[in-house]
Amino acid sequence: MLKGLIVSLFSLTLLAAGTVQAEEAAKKPTPAEGFNIHVMAPHKFEDGTVHGPYHHYCKGVSPEILVCLLFESTDPNAMLTDIEYFVSKSVSRAHVPLKTWNKYYHDHEVEIATGRVQILDMPEDKAKEVAAAAAKTDGIIFHLWPDGAKAPNGKVGHPQSVGHKHRKE
């Protein structure tokens, strides 16, 4: 009986320790946290059609990079359709050949100037600060889920901002 009690206590101790570890793990930030900058903007697809607007939920991951998860709506079960990287112009323009940049990237300063970009869920003064920071970046979009498709087909598209202009240098 004593042996059974010791085994039970040992099991309870392990269970309690596991619960504490699980609670501690639950409190630790994960890469999925912090996507709380909400931006809405349409995109122009390779065929010239305009889609969206897409809801971008973004977070800064370094001083040079902002990552955005893009959804077609704000519904809690909306499908993730795209990922966009906001890359500091000092990084993208120094490391991406002009021909590649013109095909896949767009200048956020130009996009913001079109008036089609809205920064949501924050006071206007804060939204202006975010827009000013975003204007110092170039964007590249990876479209992962084809519009209207029941499943991804493996093709990755690269939509542009509406109003995209090729750079010359």
Protein backbone atom coordinates (compact mmCIF):
# COMPACT_ATOMS: atom_id res chain seq x y z
CA MET A 1 0.00 0.00 0.00
CA LEU A 2 2.84 2.38 0.85
CA LYS A 3 4.45 1.62 -2.51
CA GLY A 4 1.17 2.47 -4.28
CA LEU A 5 0.91 5.72 -2.32
CA ILE A 6 4.50 6.68 -3.24
CA VAL A 7 3.81 5.93 -6.91
CA SER A 8 0.63 8.01 -6.75
CA LEU A 9 2.42 10.92 -5.07
CA PHE A 10 5.24 10.69 -7.62
CA SER A 11 2.67 10.72 -10.43
CA LEU A 12 0.91 13.72 -8.90
CA THR A 13 4.25 15.52 -8.52
CA LEU A 14 5.07 14.90 -12.19
CA LEU A 15 1.58 15.99 -13.22
CA ALA A 16 1.86 19.16 -11.12
CA ALA A 17 5.33 19.89 -12.50
CA GLY A 18 4.03 19.36 -16.02
CA THR A 19 1.11 21.70 -15.35
CA VAL A 20 3.45 24.39 -14.02
CA GLN A 21 5.71 23.97 -17.06
CA ALA A 22 2.71 24.15 -19.37
CA GLU A 23 1.50 27.33 -17.65
CA GLU A 24 4.97 28.87 -17.90
CA ALA A 25 5.19 27.89 -21.56
CA ALA A 26 1.76 29.41 -22.16
CA LYS A 27 3.01 32.73 -20.76
CA LYS A 28 6.08 32.85 -23.01
CA PRO A 29 5.66 34.89 -26.17
CA THR A 30 5.47 32.94 -29.42
CA PRO A 31 6.28 34.08 -32.98
CA ALA A 32 2.53 34.28 -33.62
CA GLU A 33 2.05 37.05 -31.06
CA GLY A 34 2.28 40.73 -31.81
CA PHE A 35 0.65 40.94 -35.24
CA ASN A 36 -1.32 43.98 -34.07
CA ILE A 37 -0.66 46.64 -36.71
CA HIS A 38 -3.79 46.47 -38.91
CA VAL A 39 -3.41 47.81 -42.45
CA MET A 40 -5.92 47.52 -45.28
CA ALA A 41 -4.96 47.87 -48.95
CA PRO A 42 -5.87 46.39 -52.35
CA HIS A 43 -3.39 44.54 -54.56
CA LYS A 44 -2.92 44.35 -58.30
CA PHE A 45 -2.39 40.82 -59.59
CA GLU A 46 -0.10 39.77 -62.41
CA ASP A 47 -3.06 39.78 -64.83
CA GLY A 48 -3.74 43.46 -64.03
CA THR A 49 -6.90 42.87 -61.98
CA VAL A 50 -7.30 44.54 -58.61
CA HIS A 51 -8.29 42.38 -55.63
CA GLY A 52 -9.05 43.12 -52.03
CA PRO A 53 -8.75 45.12 -50.00
CA TYR A 54 -6.64 42.75 -47.93
CA HIS A 55 -6.35 43.01 -44.18
CA HIS A 56 -2.68 43.01 -43.19
CA TYR A 57 -1.84 42.13 -39.58
CA CYS A 58 1.77 43.12 -39.08
CA LYS A 59 4.57 43.16 -36.55
CA GLY A 60 8.15 44.31 -36.54
CA VAL A 61 10.69 41.49 -36.26
CA SER A 62 13.82 43.66 -36.55
CA PRO A 63 14.63 47.32 -37.19
CA GLU A 64 14.71 46.53 -40.93
CA ILE A 65 11.83 44.05 -41.33
CA LEU A 66 8.09 44.10 -40.72
CA VAL A 67 6.12 40.90 -41.45
CA CYS A 68 2.42 40.92 -42.36
CA LEU A 69 -0.14 38.12 -42.49
CA LEU A 70 -2.80 38.95 -45.09
CA PHE A 71 -6.44 37.94 -44.97
CA GLU A 72 -9.41 38.76 -47.22
CA SER A 73 -11.55 39.76 -44.24
CA THR A 74 -11.49 40.33 -40.50
CA ASP A 75 -13.54 37.21 -39.79
CA PRO A 76 -11.85 35.17 -37.02
CA ASN A 77 -11.79 32.15 -39.38
CA ALA A 78 -10.57 34.04 -42.45
CA MET A 79 -8.01 32.13 -44.48
CA LEU A 80 -4.42 33.36 -44.57
CA THR A 81 -3.91 34.12 -48.28
CA ASP A 82 -0.66 36.09 -48.46
CA ILE A 83 2.46 37.10 -46.58
CA GLU A 84 4.06 40.47 -47.13
CA TYR A 85 7.47 41.61 -45.99
CA PHE A 86 8.17 45.31 -45.45
CA VAL A 87 11.93 45.60 -45.97
CA SER A 88 13.91 48.73 -45.20
CA LYS A 89 14.86 50.42 -48.48
CA SER A 90 18.49 50.46 -47.33
CA VAL A 91 18.38 46.65 -47.22
CA SER A 92 16.21 45.79 -50.24
CA ARG A 93 17.81 48.25 -52.63
CA ALA A 94 21.32 47.21 -51.64
CA HIS A 95 20.67 43.47 -51.96
CA VAL A 96 17.99 43.00 -54.65
CA PRO A 97 18.91 43.55 -58.32
CA LEU A 98 16.85 46.28 -59.99
CA LYS A 99 15.22 43.85 -62.49
CA THR A 100 14.11 41.60 -59.60
CA TRP A 101 12.96 44.59 -57.54
CA ASN A 102 10.82 45.90 -60.43
CA LYS A 103 9.17 42.50 -60.89
CA TYR A 104 8.44 41.60 -57.25
CA TYR A 105 8.83 44.64 -54.98
CA HIS A 106 6.95 47.90 -54.60
CA ASP A 107 7.73 51.17 -52.86
CA HIS A 108 5.48 51.75 -49.87
CA GLU A 109 5.96 55.51 -50.09
CA VAL A 110 4.42 55.41 -53.58
CA GLU A 111 1.64 53.06 -52.42
CA ILE A 112 0.74 55.20 -49.41
CA ALA A 113 0.65 58.32 -51.61
CA THR A 114 -2.13 56.75 -53.73
CA GLY A 115 -4.53 57.09 -50.77
CA ARG A 116 -5.57 53.42 -51.02
CA VAL A 117 -3.82 52.35 -47.80
CA GLN A 118 -5.64 52.58 -44.48
CA ILE A 119 -4.08 51.98 -41.09
CA LEU A 120 -6.84 50.82 -38.78
CA ASP A 121 -7.46 50.23 -35.08
CA MET A 122 -5.24 53.02 -33.72
CA PRO A 123 -5.45 56.77 -33.13
CA GLU A 124 -4.83 58.97 -36.17
CA ASP A 125 -1.55 60.39 -34.86
CA LYS A 126 -0.18 56.88 -34.25
CA ALA A 127 -1.40 55.78 -37.72
CA LYS A 128 0.55 58.67 -39.27
CA GLU A 129 3.70 57.51 -37.43
CA VAL A 130 3.20 53.97 -38.74
CA ALA A 131 2.64 55.27 -42.29
CA ALA A 132 5.81 57.39 -42.08
CA ALA A 133 7.82 54.34 -40.97
CA ALA A 134 6.24 52.14 -43.68
CA ALA A 135 7.09 54.75 -46.34
CA LYS A 136 10.76 53.97 -45.67
CA THR A 137 10.26 50.36 -46.79
CA ASP A 138 9.73 48.31 -49.93
CA GLY A 139 7.19 45.49 -49.97
CA ILE A 140 7.19 42.03 -51.46
CA ILE A 141 4.00 39.93 -51.40
CA PHE A 142 3.77 36.15 -51.61
CA HIS A 143 0.21 35.14 -52.62
CA LEU A 144 -0.22 31.56 -51.40
CA TRP A 145 -3.92 30.71 -51.76
CA PRO A 146 -5.48 31.34 -55.20
CA ASP A 147 -8.70 33.35 -55.11
CA GLY A 148 -11.74 31.08 -55.00
CA ALA A 149 -9.66 27.88 -54.86
CA LYS A 150 -10.63 25.03 -52.53
CA ALA A 151 -6.94 24.30 -51.87
CA PRO A 152 -3.56 25.84 -52.68
CA ASN A 153 -2.04 24.55 -55.90
CA GLY A 154 1.62 25.18 -55.10
CA LYS A 155 1.93 28.28 -57.25
CA VAL A 156 3.06 31.44 -55.53
CA GLY A 157 1.97 34.74 -57.01
CA HIS A 158 3.53 38.14 -56.46
CA PRO A 159 0.84 40.81 -56.58
CA GLN A 160 1.88 44.45 -56.59
CA SER A 161 0.54 47.53 -54.95
CA VAL A 162 -2.01 49.41 -57.00
CA GLY A 163 -0.02 52.30 -58.43
CA HIS A 164 3.29 50.38 -58.54
CA LYS A 165 6.02 52.20 -60.44
CA HIS A 166 9.21 50.66 -61.76
CA ARG A 167 12.42 52.14 -60.45
CA LYS A 168 15.17 53.37 -62.78
CA GLU A 169 18.82 53.52 -61.81
